[in-house]
Structure formats: C-alpha cells, structure tokens
Amino acid sequence: MSDTDLKPRTENKPKTQKPKLYKVLLINDDYTPRDFVVTVLKRIFRISEDQAYRVMITAHRRGTCVVAVYTRDVAETKATEGTDAGLRAGYPLMFSTEPEE
C-alpha cells in the first residue's frame, strides 16, 4: 500500500447559499375596511390582532408597510392569497413583494 491509499479523500462540496428573502408589502387604499384588512393579515400571515392592527395603521399612514419577510415562493404565495381575498370580497386590497436588501 502506498501513502496515497491511506490518506482520507476530501471532496469539494459546492457551497450552498441562503435563499434570497423577499418582503411582502401591504399597499394602502382608501376603500378596504380596516377590520377586513386586519382579518386578512391575521388569517394569511398568522400574526396577532395587535400586530395586524399596527401593520394596517402603518400602511394607512405611510402608504405601504412591510408585513413579513419570506423566501420568494412563500412571499409571492402569501401576497397573492391576500390580494385574492380582497378581490373575492370586492375590495381593492393589494399586497406586493420586493427583494430584501
């Protein structure tokens, strides 16, 4: 046996990167009732009543508010679910996503 047979072999493993994160934004509108927005936030984003109210008020005052940060697929799915919930109820409720910096 030679020395090379006794040395452990190391493999170069490709480095995995963390997935990029995306923010889900609540876009303010002047037509969707506050209670409905809070209900959607609680149901889809699973946040508390107090948190949902704070997010809704922040969006109302500033025009937009970050609801949560997820991987791209999850963020897009939740934004679509929230927007669709508003459409089904006849409101212009809108959520969007953007990459986190």
PDB file of N, CA and C in Angstrom:
ATOM      1  N   MET A   1       0.828  -1.182   0.000  1.00  0.00           N
ATOM      2  CA  MET A   1       0.000   0.000   0.000  1.00  0.00           C
ATOM      3  C   MET A   1       0.871   1.243   0.000  1.00  0.00           C
ATOM      4  N   SER A   2       0.443   2.201  -0.743  1.00  0.00           N
ATOM      5  CA  SER A   2       1.197   3.447  -0.796  1.00  0.00           C
ATOM      6  C   SER A   2       0.586   4.468   0.160  1.00  0.00           C
ATOM      7  N   ASP A   3       1.284   5.571   0.357  1.00  0.00           N
ATOM      8  CA  ASP A   3       0.804   6.621   1.256  1.00  0.00           C
ATOM      9  C   ASP A   3      -0.497   7.245   0.760  1.00  0.00           C
ATOM     10  N   THR A   4      -0.689   7.315  -0.522  1.00  0.00           N
ATOM     11  CA  THR A   4      -1.893   7.943  -1.062  1.00  0.00           C
ATOM     12  C   THR A   4      -3.130   7.102  -0.790  1.00  0.00           C
ATOM     13  N   ASP A   5      -2.981   5.818  -0.618  1.00  0.00           N
ATOM     14  CA  ASP A   5      -4.120   4.958  -0.321  1.00  0.00           C
ATOM     15  C   ASP A   5      -4.605   5.153   1.112  1.00  0.00           C
ATOM     16  N   LEU A   6      -3.752   5.595   2.005  1.00  0.00           N
ATOM     17  CA  LEU A   6      -4.105   5.741   3.407  1.00  0.00           C
ATOM     18  C   LEU A   6      -4.662   7.116   3.754  1.00  0.00           C
ATOM     19  N   LYS A   7      -4.442   8.103   2.911  1.00  0.00           N
ATOM     20  CA  LYS A   7      -4.921   9.455   3.185  1.00  0.00           C
ATOM     21  C   LYS A   7      -6.417   9.532   2.892  1.00  0.00           C
ATOM     22  N   PRO A   8      -7.153  10.164   3.774  1.00  0.00           N
ATOM     23  CA  PRO A   8      -8.589  10.311   3.508  1.00  0.00           C
ATOM     24  C   PRO A   8      -8.806  11.244   2.323  1.00  0.00           C
ATOM     25  N   ARG A   9      -9.780  10.898   1.555  1.00  0.00           N
ATOM     26  CA  ARG A   9     -10.094  11.727   0.404  1.00  0.00           C
ATOM     27  C   ARG A   9     -11.082  12.806   0.826  1.00  0.00           C
ATOM     28  N   THR A  10     -10.851  13.971   0.356  1.00  0.00           N
ATOM     29  CA  THR A  10     -11.787  15.067   0.625  1.00  0.00           C
ATOM     30  C   THR A  10     -12.467  15.422  -0.673  1.00  0.00           C
ATOM     31  N   GLU A  11     -13.723  15.685  -0.545  1.00  0.00           N
ATOM     32  CA  GLU A  11     -14.491  16.080  -1.717  1.00  0.00           C
ATOM     33  C   GLU A  11     -14.793  17.563  -1.618  1.00  0.00           C
ATOM     34  N   ASN A  12     -14.741  18.211  -2.732  1.00  0.00           N
ATOM     35  CA  ASN A  12     -15.128  19.617  -2.769  1.00  0.00           C
ATOM     36  C   ASN A  12     -16.631  19.677  -2.907  1.00  0.00           C
ATOM     37  N   LYS A  13     -17.267  20.123  -1.837  1.00  0.00           N
ATOM     38  CA  LYS A  13     -18.718  20.262  -1.878  1.00  0.00           C
ATOM     39  C   LYS A  13     -19.054  21.678  -2.322  1.00  0.00           C
ATOM     40  N   PRO A  14     -20.035  21.794  -3.191  1.00  0.00           N
ATOM     41  CA  PRO A  14     -20.417  23.145  -3.600  1.00  0.00           C
ATOM     42  C   PRO A  14     -21.033  23.878  -2.405  1.00  0.00           C
ATOM     43  N   LYS A  15     -20.673  25.132  -2.278  1.00  0.00           N
ATOM     44  CA  LYS A  15     -21.224  25.930  -1.189  1.00  0.00           C
ATOM     45  C   LYS A  15     -22.650  26.300  -1.530  1.00  0.00           C
ATOM     46  N   THR A  16     -23.518  26.092  -0.580  1.00  0.00           N
ATOM     47  CA  THR A  16     -24.903  26.475  -0.793  1.00  0.00           C
ATOM     48  C   THR A  16     -25.110  27.871  -0.235  1.00  0.00           C
ATOM     49  N   GLN A  17     -25.900  28.613  -0.924  1.00  0.00           N
ATOM     50  CA  GLN A  17     -26.197  29.969  -0.494  1.00  0.00           C
ATOM     51  C   GLN A  17     -27.576  29.990   0.130  1.00  0.00           C
ATOM     52  N   LYS A  18     -27.746  30.877   1.081  1.00  0.00           N
ATOM     53  CA  LYS A  18     -29.073  31.061   1.652  1.00  0.00           C
ATOM     54  C   LYS A  18     -29.973  31.661   0.581  1.00  0.00           C
ATOM     55  N   PRO A  19     -31.238  31.249   0.552  1.00  0.00           N
ATOM     56  CA  PRO A  19     -32.129  31.830  -0.453  1.00  0.00           C
ATOM     57  C   PRO A  19     -32.351  33.316  -0.170  1.00  0.00           C
ATOM     58  N   LYS A  20     -32.525  34.069  -1.224  1.00  0.00           N
ATOM     59  CA  LYS A  20     -32.812  35.489  -1.065  1.00  0.00           C
ATOM     60  C   LYS A  20     -34.176  35.650  -0.416  1.00  0.00           C
ATOM     61  N   LEU A  21     -34.292  36.657   0.406  1.00  0.00           N
ATOM     62  CA  LEU A  21     -35.550  36.909   1.089  1.00  0.00           C
ATOM     63  C   LEU A  21     -36.309  38.043   0.409  1.00  0.00           C
ATOM     64  N   TYR A  22     -37.621  37.960   0.500  1.00  0.00           N
ATOM     65  CA  TYR A  22     -38.499  38.947  -0.115  1.00  0.00           C
ATOM     66  C   TYR A  22     -39.469  39.498   0.922  1.00  0.00           C
ATOM     67  N   LYS A  23     -39.704  40.798   0.833  1.00  0.00           N
ATOM     68  CA  LYS A  23     -40.658  41.459   1.724  1.00  0.00           C
ATOM     69  C   LYS A  23     -42.046  41.389   1.102  1.00  0.00           C
ATOM     70  N   VAL A  24     -43.039  41.144   1.931  1.00  0.00           N
ATOM     71  CA  VAL A  24     -44.429  41.257   1.497  1.00  0.00           C
ATOM     72  C   VAL A  24     -44.912  42.609   1.989  1.00  0.00           C
ATOM     73  N   LEU A  25     -45.401  43.423   1.065  1.00  0.00           N
ATOM     74  CA  LEU A  25     -45.843  44.774   1.389  1.00  0.00           C
ATOM     75  C   LEU A  25     -47.360  44.889   1.305  1.00  0.00           C
ATOM     76  N   LEU A  26     -47.945  45.555   2.278  1.00  0.00           N
ATOM     77  CA  LEU A  26     -49.365  45.904   2.232  1.00  0.00           C
ATOM     78  C   LEU A  26     -49.440  47.299   1.628  1.00  0.00           C
ATOM     79  N   ILE A  27     -50.220  47.444   0.564  1.00  0.00           N
ATOM     80  CA  ILE A  27     -50.391  48.724  -0.116  1.00  0.00           C
ATOM     81  C   ILE A  27     -51.693  49.344   0.374  1.00  0.00           C
ATOM     82  N   ASN A  28     -51.624  50.590   0.818  1.00  0.00           N
ATOM     83  CA  ASN A  28     -52.815  51.255   1.339  1.00  0.00           C
ATOM     84  C   ASN A  28     -53.798  51.594   0.217  1.00  0.00           C
ATOM     85  N   ASP A  29     -55.069  51.477   0.543  1.00  0.00           N
ATOM     86  CA  ASP A  29     -56.123  52.005  -0.327  1.00  0.00           C
ATOM     87  C   ASP A  29     -57.169  52.637   0.596  1.00  0.00           C
ATOM     88  N   ASP A  30     -57.997  53.488   0.045  1.00  0.00           N
ATOM     89  CA  ASP A  30     -58.969  54.215   0.872  1.00  0.00           C
ATOM     90  C   ASP A  30     -60.350  53.568   0.879  1.00  0.00           C
ATOM     91  N   TYR A  31     -60.457  52.329   0.390  1.00  0.00           N
ATOM     92  CA  TYR A  31     -61.765  51.700   0.266  1.00  0.00           C
ATOM     93  C   TYR A  31     -61.938  50.435   1.115  1.00  0.00           C
ATOM     94  N   THR A  32     -60.883  49.680   1.308  1.00  0.00           N
ATOM     95  CA  THR A  32     -60.980  48.431   2.059  1.00  0.00           C
ATOM     96  C   THR A  32     -61.138  48.742   3.544  1.00  0.00           C
ATOM     97  N   PRO A  33     -62.180  48.191   4.179  1.00  0.00           N
ATOM     98  CA  PRO A  33     -62.388  48.452   5.610  1.00  0.00           C
ATOM     99  C   PRO A  33     -61.229  47.936   6.462  1.00  0.00           C
ATOM    100  N   ARG A  34     -60.930  48.671   7.506  1.00  0.00           N
ATOM    101  CA  ARG A  34     -59.820  48.322   8.388  1.00  0.00           C
ATOM    102  C   ARG A  34     -59.989  46.938   8.996  1.00  0.00           C
ATOM    103  N   ASP A  35     -61.203  46.623   9.424  1.00  0.00           N
ATOM    104  CA  ASP A  35     -61.451  45.314  10.046  1.00  0.00           C
ATOM    105  C   ASP A  35     -61.153  44.176   9.083  1.00  0.00           C
ATOM    106  N   PHE A  36     -61.488  44.374   7.811  1.00  0.00           N
ATOM    107  CA  PHE A  36     -61.223  43.340   6.820  1.00  0.00           C
ATOM    108  C   PHE A  36     -59.721  43.155   6.625  1.00  0.00           C
ATOM    109  N   VAL A  37     -58.980  44.251   6.573  1.00  0.00           N
ATOM    110  CA  VAL A  37     -57.520  44.173   6.409  1.00  0.00           C
ATOM    111  C   VAL A  37     -56.904  43.416   7.588  1.00  0.00           C
ATOM    112  N   VAL A  38     -57.338  43.739   8.797  1.00  0.00           N
ATOM    113  CA  VAL A  38     -56.823  43.061   9.990  1.00  0.00           C
ATOM    114  C   VAL A  38     -57.140  41.573   9.929  1.00  0.00           C
ATOM    115  N   THR A  39     -58.344  41.227   9.516  1.00  0.00           N
ATOM    116  CA  THR A  39     -58.735  39.819   9.411  1.00  0.00           C
ATOM    117  C   THR A  39     -57.858  39.079   8.402  1.00  0.00           C
ATOM    118  N   VAL A  40     -57.602  39.675   7.254  1.00  0.00           N
ATOM    119  CA  VAL A  40     -56.753  39.050   6.228  1.00  0.00           C
ATOM    120  C   VAL A  40     -55.331  38.870   6.755  1.00  0.00           C
ATOM    121  N   LEU A  41     -54.808  39.886   7.407  1.00  0.00           N
ATOM    122  CA  LEU A  41     -53.455  39.789   7.957  1.00  0.00           C
ATOM    123  C   LEU A  41     -53.350  38.671   8.989  1.00  0.00           C
ATOM    124  N   LYS A  42     -54.339  38.558   9.843  1.00  0.00           N
ATOM    125  CA  LYS A  42     -54.331  37.507  10.867  1.00  0.00           C
ATOM    126  C   LYS A  42     -54.434  36.125  10.236  1.00  0.00           C
ATOM    127  N   ARG A  43     -55.311  35.986   9.262  1.00  0.00           N
ATOM    128  CA  ARG A  43     -55.571  34.667   8.678  1.00  0.00           C
ATOM    129  C   ARG A  43     -54.435  34.202   7.779  1.00  0.00           C
ATOM    130  N   ILE A  44     -53.949  35.051   6.915  1.00  0.00           N
ATOM    131  CA  ILE A  44     -52.956  34.631   5.923  1.00  0.00           C
ATOM    132  C   ILE A  44     -51.536  34.691   6.481  1.00  0.00           C
ATOM    133  N   PHE A  45     -51.228  35.741   7.228  1.00  0.00           N
ATOM    134  CA  PHE A  45     -49.861  35.907   7.720  1.00  0.00           C
ATOM    135  C   PHE A  45     -49.680  35.395   9.149  1.00  0.00           C
ATOM    136  N   ARG A  46     -50.780  34.959   9.756  1.00  0.00           N
ATOM    137  CA  ARG A  46     -50.753  34.368  11.100  1.00  0.00           C
ATOM    138  C   ARG A  46     -50.056  35.259  12.114  1.00  0.00           C
ATOM    139  N   ILE A  47     -50.470  36.519  12.124  1.00  0.00           N
ATOM    140  CA  ILE A  47     -49.953  37.448  13.118  1.00  0.00           C
ATOM    141  C   ILE A  47     -51.069  37.799  14.086  1.00  0.00           C
ATOM    142  N   SER A  48     -50.708  38.326  15.233  1.00  0.00           N
ATOM    143  CA  SER A  48     -51.692  38.633  16.273  1.00  0.00           C
ATOM    144  C   SER A  48     -52.563  39.814  15.857  1.00  0.00           C
ATOM    145  N   GLU A  49     -53.636  39.985  16.589  1.00  0.00           N
ATOM    146  CA  GLU A  49     -54.555  41.096  16.336  1.00  0.00           C
ATOM    147  C   GLU A  49     -53.819  42.435  16.477  1.00  0.00           C
ATOM    148  N   ASP A  50     -53.018  42.577  17.530  1.00  0.00           N
ATOM    149  CA  ASP A  50     -52.279  43.823  17.746  1.00  0.00           C
ATOM    150  C   ASP A  50     -51.286  44.100  16.623  1.00  0.00           C
ATOM    151  N   GLN A  51     -50.547  43.074  16.216  1.00  0.00           N
ATOM    152  CA  GLN A  51     -49.590  43.248  15.127  1.00  0.00           C
ATOM    153  C   GLN A  51     -50.307  43.615  13.832  1.00  0.00           C
ATOM    154  N   ALA A  52     -51.407  42.931  13.555  1.00  0.00           N
ATOM    155  CA  ALA A  52     -52.172  43.195  12.326  1.00  0.00           C
ATOM    156  C   ALA A  52     -52.690  44.630  12.323  1.00  0.00           C
ATOM    157  N   TYR A  53     -53.163  45.095  13.461  1.00  0.00           N
ATOM    158  CA  TYR A  53     -53.664  46.463  13.548  1.00  0.00           C
ATOM    159  C   TYR A  53     -52.528  47.463  13.310  1.00  0.00           C
ATOM    160  N   ARG A  54     -51.353  47.212  13.902  1.00  0.00           N
ATOM    161  CA  ARG A  54     -50.208  48.115  13.715  1.00  0.00           C
ATOM    162  C   ARG A  54     -49.760  48.147  12.251  1.00  0.00           C
ATOM    163  N   VAL A  55     -49.735  46.991  11.601  1.00  0.00           N
ATOM    164  CA  VAL A  55     -49.355  46.935  10.177  1.00  0.00           C
ATOM    165  C   VAL A  55     -50.357  47.723   9.347  1.00  0.00           C
ATOM    166  N   MET A  56     -51.648  47.532   9.628  1.00  0.00           N
ATOM    167  CA  MET A  56     -52.697  48.218   8.868  1.00  0.00           C
ATOM    168  C   MET A  56     -52.602  49.733   9.049  1.00  0.00           C
ATOM    169  N   ILE A  57     -52.404  50.188  10.277  1.00  0.00           N
ATOM    170  CA  ILE A  57     -52.307  51.624  10.542  1.00  0.00           C
ATOM    171  C   ILE A  57     -51.049  52.223   9.898  1.00  0.00           C
ATOM    172  N   THR A  58     -49.941  51.504   9.962  1.00  0.00           N
ATOM    173  CA  THR A  58     -48.707  51.989   9.338  1.00  0.00           C
ATOM    174  C   THR A  58     -48.889  52.143   7.834  1.00  0.00           C
ATOM    175  N   ALA A  59     -49.515  51.142   7.198  1.00  0.00           N
ATOM    176  CA  ALA A  59     -49.773  51.235   5.753  1.00  0.00           C
ATOM    177  C   ALA A  59     -50.707  52.403   5.464  1.00  0.00           C
ATOM    178  N   HIS A  60     -51.681  52.618   6.319  1.00  0.00           N
ATOM    179  CA  HIS A  60     -52.631  53.717   6.128  1.00  0.00           C
ATOM    180  C   HIS A  60     -51.925  55.070   6.200  1.00  0.00           C
ATOM    181  N   ARG A  61     -51.003  55.202   7.124  1.00  0.00           N
ATOM    182  CA  ARG A  61     -50.310  56.479   7.320  1.00  0.00           C
ATOM    183  C   ARG A  61     -49.186  56.717   6.316  1.00  0.00           C
ATOM    184  N   ARG A  62     -48.463  55.652   5.969  1.00  0.00           N
ATOM    185  CA  ARG A  62     -47.274  55.815   5.117  1.00  0.00           C
ATOM    186  C   ARG A  62     -47.480  55.387   3.668  1.00  0.00           C
ATOM    187  N   GLY A  63     -48.574  54.726   3.386  1.00  0.00           N
ATOM    188  CA  GLY A  63     -48.841  54.271   2.022  1.00  0.00           C
ATOM    189  C   GLY A  63     -48.525  52.805   1.805  1.00  0.00           C
ATOM    190  N   THR A  64     -47.483  52.300   2.472  1.00  0.00           N
ATOM    191  CA  THR A  64     -47.145  50.879   2.418  1.00  0.00           C
ATOM    192  C   THR A  64     -46.564  50.469   3.765  1.00  0.00           C
ATOM    193  N   CYS A  65     -46.553  49.168   4.000  1.00  0.00           N
ATOM    194  CA  CYS A  65     -45.940  48.639   5.218  1.00  0.00           C
ATOM    195  C   CYS A  65     -45.472  47.216   4.947  1.00  0.00           C
ATOM    196  N   VAL A  66     -44.302  46.883   5.473  1.00  0.00           N
ATOM    197  CA  VAL A  66     -43.809  45.513   5.359  1.00  0.00           C
ATOM    198  C   VAL A  66     -44.595  44.644   6.331  1.00  0.00           C
ATOM    199  N   VAL A  67     -45.216  43.606   5.801  1.00  0.00           N
ATOM    200  CA  VAL A  67     -45.988  42.685   6.633  1.00  0.00           C
ATOM    201  C   VAL A  67     -45.063  41.614   7.207  1.00  0.00           C
ATOM    202  N   ALA A  68     -44.262  40.994   6.339  1.00  0.00           N
ATOM    203  CA  ALA A  68     -43.369  39.913   6.756  1.00  0.00           C
ATOM    204  C   ALA A  68     -42.306  39.716   5.689  1.00  0.00           C
ATOM    205  N   VAL A  69     -41.294  38.910   6.020  1.00  0.00           N
ATOM    206  CA  VAL A  69     -40.209  38.601   5.097  1.00  0.00           C
ATOM    207  C   VAL A  69     -40.106  37.081   4.984  1.00  0.00           C
ATOM    208  N   TYR A  70     -40.114  36.587   3.747  1.00  0.00           N
ATOM    209  CA  TYR A  70     -40.083  35.155   3.472  1.00  0.00           C
ATOM    210  C   TYR A  70     -39.158  34.873   2.293  1.00  0.00           C
ATOM    211  N   THR A  71     -39.003  33.593   2.002  1.00  0.00           N
ATOM    212  CA  THR A  71     -38.356  33.230   0.751  1.00  0.00           C
ATOM    213  C   THR A  71     -39.295  33.646  -0.385  1.00  0.00           C
ATOM    214  N   ARG A  72     -38.764  33.690  -1.589  1.00  0.00           N
ATOM    215  CA  ARG A  72     -39.528  34.223  -2.722  1.00  0.00           C
ATOM    216  C   ARG A  72     -40.862  33.515  -2.942  1.00  0.00           C
ATOM    217  N   ASP A  73     -40.847  32.188  -2.982  1.00  0.00           N
ATOM    218  CA  ASP A  73     -42.075  31.447  -3.265  1.00  0.00           C
ATOM    219  C   ASP A  73     -43.141  31.689  -2.206  1.00  0.00           C
ATOM    220  N   VAL A  74     -42.740  31.666  -0.957  1.00  0.00           N
ATOM    221  CA  VAL A  74     -43.696  31.869   0.137  1.00  0.00           C
ATOM    222  C   VAL A  74     -44.234  33.297   0.099  1.00  0.00           C
ATOM    223  N   ALA A  75     -43.356  34.267  -0.123  1.00  0.00           N
ATOM    224  CA  ALA A  75     -43.778  35.668  -0.167  1.00  0.00           C
ATOM    225  C   ALA A  75     -44.779  35.904  -1.297  1.00  0.00           C
ATOM    226  N   GLU A  76     -44.494  35.372  -2.463  1.00  0.00           N
ATOM    227  CA  GLU A  76     -45.398  35.567  -3.598  1.00  0.00           C
ATOM    228  C   GLU A  76     -46.743  34.874  -3.370  1.00  0.00           C
ATOM    229  N   THR A  77     -46.699  33.698  -2.768  1.00  0.00           N
ATOM    230  CA  THR A  77     -47.937  32.969  -2.492  1.00  0.00           C
ATOM    231  C   THR A  77     -48.808  33.737  -1.506  1.00  0.00           C
ATOM    232  N   LYS A  78     -48.211  34.217  -0.429  1.00  0.00           N
ATOM    233  CA  LYS A  78     -48.984  34.942   0.585  1.00  0.00           C
ATOM    234  C   LYS A  78     -49.506  36.270   0.044  1.00  0.00           C
ATOM    235  N   ALA A  79     -48.711  36.963  -0.756  1.00  0.00           N
ATOM    236  CA  ALA A  79     -49.169  38.216  -1.352  1.00  0.00           C
ATOM    237  C   ALA A  79     -50.353  37.964  -2.284  1.00  0.00           C
ATOM    238  N   THR A  80     -50.282  36.904  -3.057  1.00  0.00           N
ATOM    239  CA  THR A  80     -51.383  36.557  -3.964  1.00  0.00           C
ATOM    240  C   THR A  80     -52.630  36.171  -3.178  1.00  0.00           C
ATOM    241  N   GLU A  81     -52.460  35.380  -2.126  1.00  0.00           N
ATOM    242  CA  GLU A  81     -53.609  34.983  -1.293  1.00  0.00           C
ATOM    243  C   GLU A  81     -54.294  36.206  -0.691  1.00  0.00           C
ATOM    244  N   GLY A  82     -53.513  37.153  -0.187  1.00  0.00           N
ATOM    245  CA  GLY A  82     -54.083  38.355   0.413  1.00  0.00           C
ATOM    246  C   GLY A  82     -54.826  39.205  -0.599  1.00  0.00           C
ATOM    247  N   THR A  83     -54.220  39.403  -1.758  1.00  0.00           N
ATOM    248  CA  THR A  83     -54.856  40.192  -2.815  1.00  0.00           C
ATOM    249  C   THR A  83     -56.133  39.507  -3.298  1.00  0.00           C
ATOM    250  N   ASP A  84     -56.076  38.187  -3.471  1.00  0.00           N
ATOM    251  CA  ASP A  84     -57.253  37.433  -3.911  1.00  0.00           C
ATOM    252  C   ASP A  84     -58.383  37.488  -2.883  1.00  0.00           C
ATOM    253  N   ALA A  85     -58.044  37.465  -1.598  1.00  0.00           N
ATOM    254  CA  ALA A  85     -59.066  37.568  -0.552  1.00  0.00           C
ATOM    255  C   ALA A  85     -59.805  38.898  -0.678  1.00  0.00           C
ATOM    256  N   GLY A  86     -59.072  39.958  -0.953  1.00  0.00           N
ATOM    257  CA  GLY A  86     -59.706  41.254  -1.148  1.00  0.00           C
ATOM    258  C   GLY A  86     -60.591  41.282  -2.379  1.00  0.00           C
ATOM    259  N   LEU A  87     -60.114  40.711  -3.469  1.00  0.00           N
ATOM    260  CA  LEU A  87     -60.909  40.677  -4.700  1.00  0.00           C
ATOM    261  C   LEU A  87     -62.204  39.890  -4.519  1.00  0.00           C
ATOM    262  N   ARG A  88     -62.105  38.749  -3.823  1.00  0.00           N
ATOM    263  CA  ARG A  88     -63.307  37.938  -3.589  1.00  0.00           C
ATOM    264  C   ARG A  88     -64.352  38.700  -2.773  1.00  0.00           C
ATOM    265  N   ALA A  89     -63.886  39.563  -1.873  1.00  0.00           N
ATOM    266  CA  ALA A  89     -64.804  40.344  -1.046  1.00  0.00           C
ATOM    267  C   ALA A  89     -65.210  41.651  -1.721  1.00  0.00           C
ATOM    268  N   GLY A  90     -64.637  41.930  -2.888  1.00  0.00           N
ATOM    269  CA  GLY A  90     -64.992  43.135  -3.627  1.00  0.00           C
ATOM    270  C   GLY A  90     -64.203  44.368  -3.221  1.00  0.00           C
ATOM    271  N   TYR A  91     -63.032  44.173  -2.627  1.00  0.00           N
ATOM    272  CA  TYR A  91     -62.201  45.295  -2.200  1.00  0.00           C
ATOM    273  C   TYR A  91     -60.900  45.341  -3.010  1.00  0.00           C
ATOM    274  N   PRO A  92     -60.335  46.540  -3.148  1.00  0.00           N
ATOM    275  CA  PRO A  92     -59.069  46.662  -3.891  1.00  0.00           C
ATOM    276  C   PRO A  92     -57.824  46.413  -3.020  1.00  0.00           C
ATOM    277  N   LEU A  93     -57.945  45.570  -2.020  1.00  0.00           N
ATOM    278  CA  LEU A  93     -56.820  45.253  -1.142  1.00  0.00           C
ATOM    279  C   LEU A  93     -55.673  44.685  -1.973  1.00  0.00           C
ATOM    280  N   MET A  94     -54.451  45.195  -1.740  1.00  0.00           N
ATOM    281  CA  MET A  94     -53.338  44.744  -2.553  1.00  0.00           C
ATOM    282  C   MET A  94     -52.082  44.533  -1.715  1.00  0.00           C
ATOM    283  N   PHE A  95     -51.432  43.416  -2.010  1.00  0.00           N
ATOM    284  CA  PHE A  95     -50.139  43.103  -1.436  1.00  0.00           C
ATOM    285  C   PHE A  95     -49.152  42.938  -2.588  1.00  0.00           C
ATOM    286  N   SER A  96     -47.892  43.275  -2.350  1.00  0.00           N
ATOM    287  CA  SER A  96     -46.864  43.062  -3.361  1.00  0.00           C
ATOM    288  C   SER A  96     -45.605  42.531  -2.676  1.00  0.00           C
ATOM    289  N   THR A  97     -44.648  42.118  -3.487  1.00  0.00           N
ATOM    290  CA  THR A  97     -43.389  41.622  -2.940  1.00  0.00           C
ATOM    291  C   THR A  97     -42.234  42.388  -3.569  1.00  0.00           C
ATOM    292  N   GLU A  98     -41.146  42.461  -2.833  1.00  0.00           N
ATOM    293  CA  GLU A  98     -39.915  43.019  -3.374  1.00  0.00           C
ATOM    294  C   GLU A  98     -38.741  42.402  -2.639  1.00  0.00           C
ATOM    295  N   PRO A  99     -37.595  42.300  -3.304  1.00  0.00           N
ATOM    296  CA  PRO A  99     -36.422  41.693  -2.659  1.00  0.00           C
ATOM    297  C   PRO A  99     -35.975  42.499  -1.453  1.00  0.00           C
ATOM    298  N   GLU A 100     -35.545  41.796  -0.432  1.00  0.00           N
ATOM    299  CA  GLU A 100     -34.998  42.480   0.725  1.00  0.00           C
ATOM    300  C   GLU A 100     -33.544  42.816   0.423  1.00  0.00           C
ATOM    301  N   GLU A 101     -33.120  43.977   0.819  1.00  0.00           N
ATOM    302  CA  GLU A 101     -31.760  44.417   0.508  1.00  0.00           C
ATOM    303  C   GLU A 101     -30.777  44.023   1.569  1.00  0.00           C
TER     304      GLU A 101
END
